[in-house]
C-alpha atoms as a PDB file:
ATOM      1  CA  MET A   1     -24.706 -81.984  12.689  1.00  0.00           C
ATOM      2  CA  LYS A   2     -26.634 -80.618  15.707  1.00  0.00           C
ATOM      3  CA  LYS A   3     -29.676 -78.422  15.326  1.00  0.00           C
ATOM      4  CA  HIS A   4     -29.480 -75.093  17.116  1.00  0.00           C
ATOM      5  CA  ARG A   5     -32.356 -74.599  19.543  1.00  0.00           C
ATOM      6  CA  MET A   6     -33.678 -71.093  20.087  1.00  0.00           C
ATOM      7  CA  ASP A   7     -33.773 -70.108  23.744  1.00  0.00           C
ATOM      8  CA  GLN A   8     -37.304 -68.886  24.520  1.00  0.00           C
ATOM      9  CA  ASP A   9     -35.939 -66.506  27.208  1.00  0.00           C
ATOM     10  CA  MET A  10     -33.697 -64.655  24.773  1.00  0.00           C
ATOM     11  CA  PRO A  11     -34.948 -61.387  23.246  1.00  0.00           C
ATOM     12  CA  VAL A  12     -36.125 -61.406  19.667  1.00  0.00           C
ATOM     13  CA  GLY A  13     -35.729 -58.387  17.435  1.00  0.00           C
ATOM     14  CA  GLU A  14     -33.791 -55.167  17.893  1.00  0.00           C
ATOM     15  CA  LEU A  15     -31.990 -54.753  21.225  1.00  0.00           C
ATOM     16  CA  LYS A  16     -31.893 -51.445  23.097  1.00  0.00           C
ATOM     17  CA  LYS A  17     -29.063 -50.455  25.422  1.00  0.00           C
ATOM     18  CA  ILE A  18     -30.212 -48.962  28.744  1.00  0.00           C
ATOM     19  CA  ASP A  19     -28.268 -46.789  31.189  1.00  0.00           C
ATOM     20  CA  ASP A  20     -26.672 -48.563  34.131  1.00  0.00           C
ATOM     21  CA  PHE A  21     -28.689 -47.340  37.120  1.00  0.00           C
ATOM     22  CA  LEU A  22     -27.285 -49.726  39.722  1.00  0.00           C
ATOM     23  CA  PRO A  23     -24.840 -48.276  42.262  1.00  0.00           C
ATOM     24  CA  PRO A  24     -21.316 -49.623  42.769  1.00  0.00           C
ATOM     25  CA  PRO A  25     -20.913 -52.016  45.732  1.00  0.00           C
ATOM     26  CA  LYS A  26     -19.299 -49.402  48.023  1.00  0.00           C
ATOM     27  CA  GLU A  27     -22.523 -47.343  47.924  1.00  0.00           C
ATOM     28  CA  LEU A  28     -24.664 -50.236  49.130  1.00  0.00           C
ATOM     29  CA  ALA A  29     -23.888 -49.774  52.844  1.00  0.00           C
ATOM     30  CA  VAL A  30     -26.677 -47.677  54.443  1.00  0.00           C
ATOM     31  CA  GLN A  31     -28.925 -47.802  57.557  1.00  0.00           C
ATOM     32  CA  GLU A  32     -32.746 -48.022  57.350  1.00  0.00           C
ATOM     33  CA  GLU A  33     -35.841 -49.687  58.898  1.00  0.00           C
ATOM     34  CA  THR A  34     -36.303 -53.255  57.682  1.00  0.00           C
ATOM     35  CA  VAL A  35     -38.843 -56.087  57.445  1.00  0.00           C
ATOM     36  CA  MET A  36     -37.843 -59.754  57.792  1.00  0.00           C
ATOM     37  CA  VAL A  37     -38.280 -61.850  54.600  1.00  0.00           C
ATOM     38  CA  THR A  38     -36.982 -65.179  53.318  1.00  0.00           C
ATOM     39  CA  LEU A  39     -35.273 -65.123  49.937  1.00  0.00           C
ATOM     40  CA  ARG A  40     -33.329 -67.778  48.021  1.00  0.00           C
ATOM     41  CA  LEU A  41     -30.340 -66.469  46.042  1.00  0.00           C
ATOM     42  CA  SER A  42     -27.657 -68.156  43.972  1.00  0.00           C
ATOM     43  CA  GLU A  43     -24.441 -69.057  45.770  1.00  0.00           C
ATOM     44  CA  LYS A  44     -22.481 -66.999  43.247  1.00  0.00           C
ATOM     45  CA  SER A  45     -24.448 -63.832  44.036  1.00  0.00           C
ATOM     46  CA  VAL A  46     -24.207 -64.288  47.792  1.00  0.00           C
ATOM     47  CA  GLU A  47     -20.452 -64.896  47.575  1.00  0.00           C
ATOM     48  CA  PHE A  48     -20.005 -61.731  45.516  1.00  0.00           C
ATOM     49  CA  PHE A  49     -21.865 -59.616  48.073  1.00  0.00           C
ATOM     50  CA  LYS A  50     -20.046 -61.240  50.996  1.00  0.00           C
ATOM     51  CA  GLN A  51     -16.693 -60.403  49.385  1.00  0.00           C
ATOM     52  CA  GLN A  52     -17.745 -56.817  48.694  1.00  0.00           C
ATOM     53  CA  ALA A  53     -19.130 -56.414  52.219  1.00  0.00           C
ATOM     54  CA  LYS A  54     -15.858 -57.601  53.686  1.00  0.00           C
ATOM     55  CA  ARG A  55     -13.948 -55.208  51.439  1.00  0.00           C
ATOM     56  CA  TYR A  56     -16.081 -52.222  52.538  1.00  0.00           C
ATOM     57  CA  HIS A  57     -16.453 -53.308  56.189  1.00  0.00           C
ATOM     58  CA  THR A  58     -20.216 -53.764  56.194  1.00  0.00           C
ATOM     59  CA  LYS A  59     -22.786 -56.586  56.065  1.00  0.00           C
ATOM     60  CA  TYR A  60     -23.777 -58.179  52.797  1.00  0.00           C
ATOM     61  CA  GLN A  61     -27.476 -58.169  53.762  1.00  0.00           C
ATOM     62  CA  LYS A  62     -27.392 -54.364  53.973  1.00  0.00           C
ATOM     63  CA  MET A  63     -25.867 -54.157  50.517  1.00  0.00           C
ATOM     64  CA  LEU A  64     -28.525 -56.458  49.043  1.00  0.00           C
ATOM     65  CA  ARG A  65     -31.288 -54.505  50.781  1.00  0.00           C
ATOM     66  CA  PHE A  66     -30.008 -51.216  49.357  1.00  0.00           C
ATOM     67  CA  LEU A  67     -29.758 -52.737  45.876  1.00  0.00           C
ATOM     68  CA  VAL A  68     -33.376 -53.952  46.001  1.00  0.00           C
ATOM     69  CA  ASP A  69     -34.519 -50.539  47.334  1.00  0.00           C
ATOM     70  CA  ARG A  70     -32.778 -48.715  44.471  1.00  0.00           C
ATOM     71  CA  TYR A  71     -34.366 -51.066  41.945  1.00  0.00           C
ATOM     72  CA  ALA A  72     -37.822 -50.471  43.462  1.00  0.00           C
ATOM     73  CA  GLU A  73     -37.311 -46.685  43.445  1.00  0.00           C
ATOM     74  CA  ARG A  74     -36.271 -46.761  39.800  1.00  0.00           C
ATOM     75  CA  TYR A  75     -39.393 -48.599  38.660  1.00  0.00           C
ATOM     76  CA  SER A  76     -41.960 -47.105  41.043  1.00  0.00           C
END
């Protein structure tokens, strides 16, 4: 019989549900001043945003940028 290992990254104790504050993909296409950065993302995430960008006739980088901006606004 295998021992179950506790994942150190998993929460311990009571969980609390939070409101979904992230916008749907179609709202991630906006124009704004930008700064060049290098960022490594998972292939799965990039593929998702590329598919959504194609669906909404925009660029996936713009959608990612808007998502990061919304996150920063929420926690600033």
